[in-house]
């Protein structure tokens, strides 16, 4: 058995706010997509809890704080060992938060009077609220974590944070690592860019086709926040919920990585798993190439599921969500179907139309994001 132990977790997703609720809805073949034709999104339905940090953090960062605090409590993390606790954060990227900035900019021109024309409407901390490490710093202060840590940016940031935390634990830099990530591809500057690149679906909810379907026409942008607490197996003992190993790779592409890169990163940590959670871009050409690349690693008969078919593409927290949800799938012994999959396209790997029982104790998850970034996570029951 390899990797580090998960001793606590929490999440916020378009399908719910607890792993058991998310799993039940995945098993029911549900997806979180909502909206009209050409504008489907999969938002988190809940709002952040009350927080004294609200003046410094926007909504998704507050959700990131919420899940990090819940995961820490779930693990039993307490005071007294803060010097050996590290925080590793993944932030999807900087956003314009147009609901706040648009009123301040709408009346501006090339002349003077910028304050009177709208800048006076901006929050006095509007720039400080945009710092990418705010949630990391405030959470670390909240739990008095003084150990080594790092903040990563981009849509693969959660995977990078997992890898860094794993190395920190294995090298003895920290005894406990809290890994948190949040992101939204539903923001006004994200969803249109994805649509312009032809990555997102233009279907109605009733006509939506999931990844690996003959009629797939793009994914649904989503958002999420997730956190796990990691420890070495010897320290975790019976508190371990599962074990995780993560790896990341890049190939320099400005868009999503080549499918071969996904296969390469999967091959680094695979030990012959029979189940894989795919990238799920719902792009027929990429889906086909991904199945060939991953099938060459796991074999053509491995079962294929897609959590992103239900949750949407959520960016930075993807790998952490996979760690949580895939562990829960193994614990319940049932692999969920791929949401909105009606007619599986031919190729290696076996996409699931219906729930399937399994006694496997390990599963692989892969993800991909621009610029040319791939991630694989392997989870195993203790």
Protein backbone atom coordinates (compact mmCIF):
# COMPACT_ATOMS: atom_id res chain seq x y z
CA UNK A 1 0.00 0.00 0.00
CA UNK A 2 1.43 3.39 -1.00
CA UNK A 3 0.72 7.09 -0.62
CA UNK A 4 -0.42 9.13 2.36
CA UNK A 5 -3.52 8.73 4.51
CA UNK A 6 -6.63 10.89 4.29
CA UNK A 7 -7.91 11.59 7.81
CA UNK A 8 -10.50 14.28 7.11
CA UNK A 9 -12.41 15.81 4.21
CA UNK A 10 -15.15 18.22 3.21
CA UNK A 11 -16.64 19.56 -0.02
CA UNK A 12 -19.12 21.93 -1.66
CA UNK A 13 -20.37 20.86 -5.08
CA UNK A 14 -23.29 21.36 -7.50
CA UNK A 15 -24.72 18.06 -6.21
CA UNK A 16 -24.46 18.75 -2.50
CA UNK A 17 -22.28 19.60 0.45
CA UNK A 18 -21.48 16.22 1.99
CA UNK A 19 -19.83 13.15 0.44
CA UNK A 20 -22.78 10.87 1.17
CA UNK A 21 -25.27 13.19 -0.56
CA UNK A 22 -22.98 13.64 -3.57
CA UNK A 23 -22.45 9.88 -3.84
CA UNK A 24 -26.17 9.14 -3.67
CA UNK A 25 -26.87 11.59 -6.49
CA UNK A 26 -23.98 10.24 -8.57
CA UNK A 27 -25.37 6.73 -8.19
CA UNK A 28 -28.74 8.07 -9.36
CA UNK A 29 -27.14 9.36 -12.55
CA UNK A 30 -27.91 12.99 -11.70
CA UNK A 31 -26.02 16.04 -12.94
CA UNK A 32 -25.87 19.58 -11.61
CA UNK A 33 -26.43 21.40 -14.89
CA UNK A 34 -28.95 24.20 -14.97
CA UNK A 35 -29.78 27.09 -17.30
CA UNK A 36 -30.87 27.65 -20.87
CA UNK A 37 -29.55 26.52 -24.24
CA UNK A 38 -26.02 27.79 -24.76
CA UNK A 39 -25.67 28.80 -21.12
CA UNK A 40 -25.65 25.66 -18.98
CA UNK A 41 -23.76 25.98 -15.70
CA UNK A 42 -23.32 23.76 -12.64
CA UNK A 43 -23.10 26.14 -9.66
CA UNK A 44 -22.73 25.35 -5.98
CA UNK A 45 -26.21 25.92 -4.54
CA UNK A 46 -25.23 26.73 -0.96
CA UNK A 47 -23.77 29.94 0.38
CA UNK A 48 -20.78 30.31 2.72
CA UNK A 49 -21.38 30.31 6.44
CA UNK A 50 -21.10 33.44 8.54
CA UNK A 51 -17.49 34.54 8.81
CA UNK A 52 -15.56 37.46 10.24
CA UNK A 53 -13.37 37.18 7.14
CA UNK A 54 -16.15 38.11 4.73
CA UNK A 55 -14.75 41.61 4.16
CA UNK A 56 -11.50 40.05 2.87
CA UNK A 57 -12.79 37.04 0.94
CA UNK A 58 -15.22 36.66 -1.99
CA UNK A 59 -17.77 33.85 -2.11
CA UNK A 60 -15.67 30.97 -3.48
CA UNK A 61 -12.77 31.75 -1.14
CA UNK A 62 -15.21 31.72 1.78
CA UNK A 63 -16.43 28.30 0.64
CA UNK A 64 -12.79 27.24 0.54
CA UNK A 65 -12.39 28.37 4.14
CA UNK A 66 -15.56 26.50 5.12
CA UNK A 67 -14.41 23.17 3.70
CA UNK A 68 -10.90 23.53 5.12
CA UNK A 69 -12.29 24.14 8.61
CA UNK A 70 -14.71 21.22 8.26
CA UNK A 71 -11.98 18.88 7.05
CA UNK A 72 -9.73 19.89 9.96
CA UNK A 73 -12.54 19.21 12.44
CA UNK A 74 -13.36 15.90 10.72
CA UNK A 75 -9.75 14.76 11.15
CA UNK A 76 -9.68 15.72 14.83
CA UNK A 77 -6.98 18.28 14.20
CA UNK A 78 -6.56 20.34 17.35
CA UNK A 79 -4.23 22.83 18.95
CA UNK A 80 -0.76 22.15 20.24
CA UNK A 81 0.92 20.89 17.08
CA UNK A 82 0.61 23.94 14.82
CA UNK A 83 4.35 24.09 14.10
CA UNK A 84 4.04 20.74 12.29
CA UNK A 85 0.83 21.52 10.38
CA UNK A 86 1.14 22.79 6.82
CA UNK A 87 -1.51 24.32 4.57
CA UNK A 88 -1.42 23.74 0.81
CA UNK A 89 -3.96 25.72 -1.21
CA UNK A 90 -5.13 25.67 -4.80
CA UNK A 91 -6.78 28.76 -6.29
CA UNK A 92 -8.28 28.59 -9.77
CA UNK A 93 -7.25 32.07 -10.77
CA UNK A 94 -8.03 35.73 -10.32
CA UNK A 95 -11.51 36.83 -11.36
CA UNK A 96 -12.97 40.25 -12.04
CA UNK A 97 -15.98 39.81 -9.73
CA UNK A 98 -18.02 41.92 -12.10
CA UNK A 99 -21.08 42.25 -9.86
CA UNK A 100 -18.89 44.42 -7.62
CA UNK A 101 -16.70 46.19 -10.16
CA UNK A 102 -19.20 46.87 -12.96
CA UNK A 103 -21.06 49.66 -11.09
CA UNK A 104 -17.73 51.36 -10.40
CA UNK A 105 -16.66 51.23 -14.05
CA UNK A 106 -19.93 51.79 -15.89
CA UNK A 107 -19.84 55.58 -15.64
CA UNK A 108 -16.14 56.09 -16.38
CA UNK A 109 -14.78 57.87 -19.45
CA UNK A 110 -11.42 59.35 -20.40
CA UNK A 111 -12.00 62.47 -18.34
CA UNK A 112 -11.67 63.27 -14.68
CA UNK A 113 -13.98 62.78 -11.75
CA UNK A 114 -13.36 59.05 -11.52
CA UNK A 115 -14.26 58.99 -7.80
CA UNK A 116 -17.60 60.65 -8.32
CA UNK A 117 -18.27 58.62 -11.48
CA UNK A 118 -18.16 55.34 -9.58
CA UNK A 119 -14.88 54.48 -7.91
CA UNK A 120 -16.41 55.58 -4.60
CA UNK A 121 -18.66 52.48 -4.87
CA UNK A 122 -15.73 50.08 -4.56
CA UNK A 123 -15.14 48.34 -1.25
CA UNK A 124 -12.11 49.90 0.50
CA UNK A 125 -10.45 46.46 0.55
CA UNK A 126 -11.39 45.59 -3.04
CA UNK A 127 -7.78 45.00 -4.13
CA UNK A 128 -6.77 43.15 -0.96
CA UNK A 129 -9.77 40.86 -1.43
CA UNK A 130 -8.24 39.63 -4.70
CA UNK A 131 -4.96 38.32 -3.27
CA UNK A 132 -4.64 34.65 -4.24
CA UNK A 133 -3.26 33.54 -0.86
CA UNK A 134 -5.90 35.26 1.31
CA UNK A 135 -7.86 32.11 2.13
CA UNK A 136 -4.65 30.19 2.76
CA UNK A 137 -3.31 32.82 5.16
CA UNK A 138 -6.58 33.37 7.03
CA UNK A 139 -7.25 29.65 7.41
CA UNK A 140 -3.70 29.00 8.65
CA UNK A 141 -4.15 31.77 11.21
CA UNK A 142 -7.54 30.39 12.23
CA UNK A 143 -6.13 26.95 13.12
CA UNK A 144 -2.70 28.27 14.15
CA UNK A 145 -0.88 26.26 11.48
CA UNK A 146 2.74 27.42 11.37
CA UNK A 147 4.27 24.67 9.25
CA UNK A 148 5.53 24.76 5.67
CA UNK A 149 2.92 25.34 2.97
CA UNK A 150 2.26 26.73 -0.48
CA UNK A 151 -0.43 28.39 -2.61
CA UNK A 152 -0.81 27.23 -6.22
CA UNK A 153 -2.76 28.90 -9.01
CA UNK A 154 -4.57 27.65 -12.10
CA UNK A 155 -7.12 25.01 -13.01
CA UNK A 156 -4.82 22.18 -11.99
CA UNK A 157 -3.83 23.85 -8.69
CA UNK A 158 -5.48 21.28 -6.42
CA UNK A 159 -3.45 18.50 -8.00
CA UNK A 160 -0.24 20.47 -7.56
CA UNK A 161 -1.15 21.14 -3.92
CA UNK A 162 -1.77 17.42 -3.33
CA UNK A 163 1.61 16.48 -4.81
CA UNK A 164 3.44 19.12 -2.79
CA UNK A 165 1.68 18.09 0.44
CA UNK A 166 2.51 14.44 -0.18
CA UNK A 167 6.20 15.28 -0.66
CA UNK A 168 6.21 17.49 2.45
CA UNK A 169 4.83 14.62 4.54
CA UNK A 170 7.16 12.01 3.09
CA UNK A 171 10.23 14.23 3.57
CA UNK A 172 9.26 15.05 7.15
CA UNK A 173 8.70 18.78 6.63
CA UNK A 174 5.26 18.54 8.26
CA UNK A 175 3.28 15.93 10.20
CA UNK A 176 -0.15 17.07 8.99
CA UNK A 177 -1.09 18.69 5.68
CA UNK A 178 -4.40 20.43 5.03
CA UNK A 179 -4.99 20.64 1.28
CA UNK A 180 -7.76 22.99 0.14
CA UNK A 181 -8.85 24.27 -3.28
CA UNK A 182 -11.68 26.25 -4.81
CA UNK A 183 -12.54 27.50 -8.27
CA UNK A 184 -15.41 28.58 -10.49
CA UNK A 185 -15.68 28.17 -14.23
CA UNK A 186 -19.12 29.81 -13.99
CA UNK A 187 -17.69 33.33 -13.62
CA UNK A 188 -18.49 35.85 -16.42
CA UNK A 189 -14.86 35.93 -17.61
CA UNK A 190 -14.50 32.11 -17.62
CA UNK A 191 -17.66 30.68 -19.19
CA UNK A 192 -17.64 32.92 -22.34
CA UNK A 193 -13.96 32.16 -23.00
CA UNK A 194 -14.67 28.43 -22.79
CA UNK A 195 -17.64 28.83 -25.13
CA UNK A 196 -15.53 30.77 -27.65
CA UNK A 197 -13.04 27.89 -27.66
CA UNK A 198 -15.89 25.46 -28.35
CA UNK A 199 -15.32 23.58 -25.10
CA UNK A 200 -18.77 23.94 -23.53
CA UNK A 201 -22.09 22.47 -24.55
CA UNK A 202 -24.81 24.44 -26.31
CA UNK A 203 -27.47 21.81 -25.56
CA UNK A 204 -30.56 22.21 -23.42
CA UNK A 205 -30.62 20.36 -20.12
CA UNK A 206 -33.05 17.81 -21.55
CA UNK A 207 -30.77 17.17 -24.55
CA UNK A 208 -27.45 17.10 -22.69
CA UNK A 209 -25.05 14.32 -23.70
CA UNK A 210 -22.37 13.28 -21.26
CA UNK A 211 -18.69 12.56 -21.88
CA UNK A 212 -17.89 9.44 -23.94
CA UNK A 213 -21.27 9.67 -25.70
CA UNK A 214 -21.52 9.54 -29.49
CA UNK A 215 -23.39 12.85 -29.37
CA UNK A 216 -21.22 14.67 -26.81
CA UNK A 217 -20.86 18.35 -27.66
CA UNK A 218 -18.88 19.91 -24.82
CA UNK A 219 -18.87 20.02 -21.04
CA UNK A 220 -20.82 22.04 -18.49
CA UNK A 221 -18.76 24.64 -16.54
CA UNK A 222 -19.06 24.15 -12.79
CA UNK A 223 -17.64 25.30 -9.50
CA UNK A 224 -16.63 23.62 -6.27
CA UNK A 225 -14.54 23.76 -3.11
CA UNK A 226 -12.91 20.78 -1.45
CA UNK A 227 -10.37 19.99 1.25
CA UNK A 228 -8.60 16.94 2.67
CA UNK A 229 -6.32 16.42 5.65
CA UNK A 230 -3.33 14.18 4.95
CA UNK A 231 -0.98 12.38 7.34
CA UNK A 232 1.54 9.56 7.09
CA UNK A 233 -0.17 6.19 7.52
CA UNK A 234 1.69 5.38 10.75
CA UNK A 235 0.44 8.55 12.39
CA UNK A 236 -3.10 8.25 11.00
CA UNK A 237 -3.64 4.71 12.30
CA UNK A 238 -7.29 3.70 12.31
CA UNK A 239 -8.40 7.28 11.55
CA UNK A 240 -7.41 6.80 7.93
CA UNK A 241 -10.34 7.02 5.52
CA UNK A 242 -8.21 5.96 2.56
CA UNK A 243 -4.81 6.47 1.01
CA UNK A 244 -3.92 8.75 -1.88
CA UNK A 245 -1.05 9.18 -4.27
CA UNK A 246 -0.99 12.04 -6.79
CA UNK A 247 1.12 13.04 -9.77
CA UNK A 248 1.08 15.98 -12.19
CA UNK A 249 2.57 16.55 -15.64
CA UNK A 250 2.70 19.25 -18.32
CA UNK A 251 3.39 19.24 -22.04
CA UNK A 252 3.53 22.94 -22.85
CA UNK A 253 0.28 23.12 -24.80
CA UNK A 254 -1.57 26.43 -24.45
CA UNK A 255 -4.91 24.62 -24.23
CA UNK A 256 -5.67 21.23 -22.67
CA UNK A 257 -2.78 18.73 -22.72
CA UNK A 258 -2.47 16.00 -25.31
CA UNK A 259 -4.25 12.80 -24.32
CA UNK A 260 -0.86 11.09 -24.34
CA UNK A 261 0.16 13.34 -21.43
CA UNK A 262 -2.86 12.16 -19.47
CA UNK A 263 -1.84 8.57 -20.17
CA UNK A 264 1.74 9.32 -19.14
CA UNK A 265 0.80 10.79 -15.77
CA UNK A 266 -1.64 7.93 -15.15
CA UNK A 267 1.11 5.43 -15.88
CA UNK A 268 3.35 6.94 -13.20
CA UNK A 269 1.12 5.87 -10.32
CA UNK A 270 -1.10 3.14 -11.76
CA UNK A 271 -0.86 -0.37 -10.37
CA UNK A 272 -3.28 -2.06 -12.74
CA UNK A 273 -6.53 -0.54 -11.49
CA UNK A 274 -9.71 -1.80 -13.16
CA UNK A 275 -11.67 1.45 -12.66
CA UNK A 276 -10.81 4.98 -13.81
CA UNK A 277 -12.55 8.35 -13.42
CA UNK A 278 -11.92 10.03 -16.76
CA UNK A 279 -11.18 13.63 -17.71
CA UNK A 280 -14.72 13.98 -19.09
CA UNK A 281 -14.28 16.89 -21.52
CA UNK A 282 -17.22 15.62 -23.63
CA UNK A 283 -15.18 16.41 -26.73
CA UNK A 284 -15.43 13.37 -29.04
CA UNK A 285 -11.90 13.68 -30.44
CA UNK A 286 -10.27 14.16 -27.01
CA UNK A 287 -12.50 11.54 -25.37
CA UNK A 288 -11.44 8.98 -27.96
CA UNK A 289 -7.75 9.82 -27.65
CA UNK A 290 -7.99 9.80 -23.84
CA UNK A 291 -9.57 6.36 -23.83
CA UNK A 292 -6.81 5.03 -26.06
CA UNK A 293 -4.04 6.57 -23.92
CA UNK A 294 -5.49 5.50 -20.56
CA UNK A 295 -6.60 2.14 -21.97
CA UNK A 296 -2.99 1.45 -22.94
CA UNK A 297 -2.11 1.83 -19.23
CA UNK A 298 -5.04 0.05 -17.55
CA UNK A 299 -6.11 -2.28 -20.33
CA UNK A 300 -9.07 -1.85 -22.70
CA UNK A 301 -11.63 -3.50 -20.40
CA UNK A 302 -11.21 -1.17 -17.39
CA UNK A 303 -14.44 0.46 -16.23
CA UNK A 304 -14.80 4.14 -17.04
CA UNK A 305 -16.80 6.58 -14.91
CA UNK A 306 -17.00 10.37 -14.99
CA UNK A 307 -17.62 12.44 -11.87
CA UNK A 308 -17.27 15.57 -14.03
CA UNK A 309 -20.31 14.48 -16.06
CA UNK A 310 -22.33 15.13 -12.91
CA UNK A 311 -20.37 17.94 -11.24
CA UNK A 312 -19.22 19.81 -14.36
CA UNK A 313 -15.64 20.81 -15.02
CA UNK A 314 -14.69 22.61 -11.80
CA UNK A 315 -11.03 23.49 -12.29
CA UNK A 316 -8.67 23.70 -9.32
CA UNK A 317 -10.42 21.40 -6.80
CA UNK A 318 -10.92 18.54 -9.30
CA UNK A 319 -8.18 16.24 -7.98
CA UNK A 320 -9.23 16.77 -4.36
CA UNK A 321 -12.86 16.08 -5.22
CA UNK A 322 -11.77 12.90 -6.96
CA UNK A 323 -9.86 11.83 -3.86
CA UNK A 324 -12.98 12.21 -1.72
CA UNK A 325 -15.63 10.90 -4.10
CA UNK A 326 -13.61 7.95 -5.44
CA UNK A 327 -12.81 6.81 -1.90
CA UNK A 328 -16.51 6.92 -1.07
CA UNK A 329 -17.30 4.91 -4.22
CA UNK A 330 -14.89 2.20 -3.09
CA UNK A 331 -16.32 2.24 0.43
CA UNK A 332 -19.88 1.73 -0.81
CA UNK A 333 -18.84 -0.86 -3.41
CA UNK A 334 -20.82 0.64 -6.30
CA UNK A 335 -19.50 2.47 -9.36
CA UNK A 336 -21.96 5.17 -10.55
CA UNK A 337 -23.11 5.52 -14.15
CA UNK A 338 -21.95 8.39 -16.34
CA UNK A 339 -24.60 11.12 -16.16
CA UNK A 340 -26.36 11.94 -19.44
CA UNK A 341 -24.64 9.04 -21.22
CA UNK A 342 -27.16 7.72 -23.72
CA UNK A 343 -25.11 6.03 -26.46
CA UNK A 344 -21.50 5.22 -25.51
CA UNK A 345 -19.01 5.79 -28.30
CA UNK A 346 -16.83 2.81 -29.29
CA UNK A 347 -13.28 2.46 -28.03
CA UNK A 348 -11.14 1.13 -25.20
CA UNK A 349 -12.43 1.29 -21.61
CA UNK A 350 -16.02 0.47 -20.66
CA UNK A 351 -18.27 3.52 -20.01
CA UNK A 352 -21.01 2.77 -17.49
CA UNK A 353 -24.68 3.25 -18.37
CA UNK A 354 -25.84 1.80 -15.04
CA UNK A 355 -24.48 1.43 -11.48
CA UNK A 356 -22.13 -1.54 -11.15
CA UNK A 357 -21.06 -3.43 -8.02
CA UNK A 358 -17.35 -3.71 -7.32
CA UNK A 359 -15.11 -5.23 -4.67
CA UNK A 360 -12.03 -3.35 -5.91
CA UNK A 361 -10.00 -1.53 -3.30
CA UNK A 362 -8.24 1.00 -5.55
CA UNK A 363 -9.28 3.37 -8.34
CA UNK A 364 -7.54 5.91 -10.56
CA UNK A 365 -8.72 9.42 -11.45
CA UNK A 366 -7.36 11.68 -14.20
CA UNK A 367 -7.95 15.32 -15.08
CA UNK A 368 -6.71 17.85 -17.63
CA UNK A 369 -6.69 21.62 -17.92
CA UNK A 370 -4.93 24.46 -19.73
CA UNK A 371 -2.13 25.23 -20.21
CA UNK A 372 -1.17 21.64 -21.01
CA UNK A 373 -1.61 20.34 -17.46
CA UNK A 374 -2.58 16.80 -16.47
CA UNK A 375 -3.09 15.18 -13.07
CA UNK A 376 -3.67 11.65 -11.83
CA UNK A 377 -4.76 10.55 -8.38
CA UNK A 378 -4.84 7.00 -7.09
CA UNK A 379 -6.96 6.23 -4.04
CA UNK A 380 -6.98 2.99 -2.11
CA UNK A 381 -8.95 1.75 0.86
CA UNK A 382 -6.87 1.24 4.04
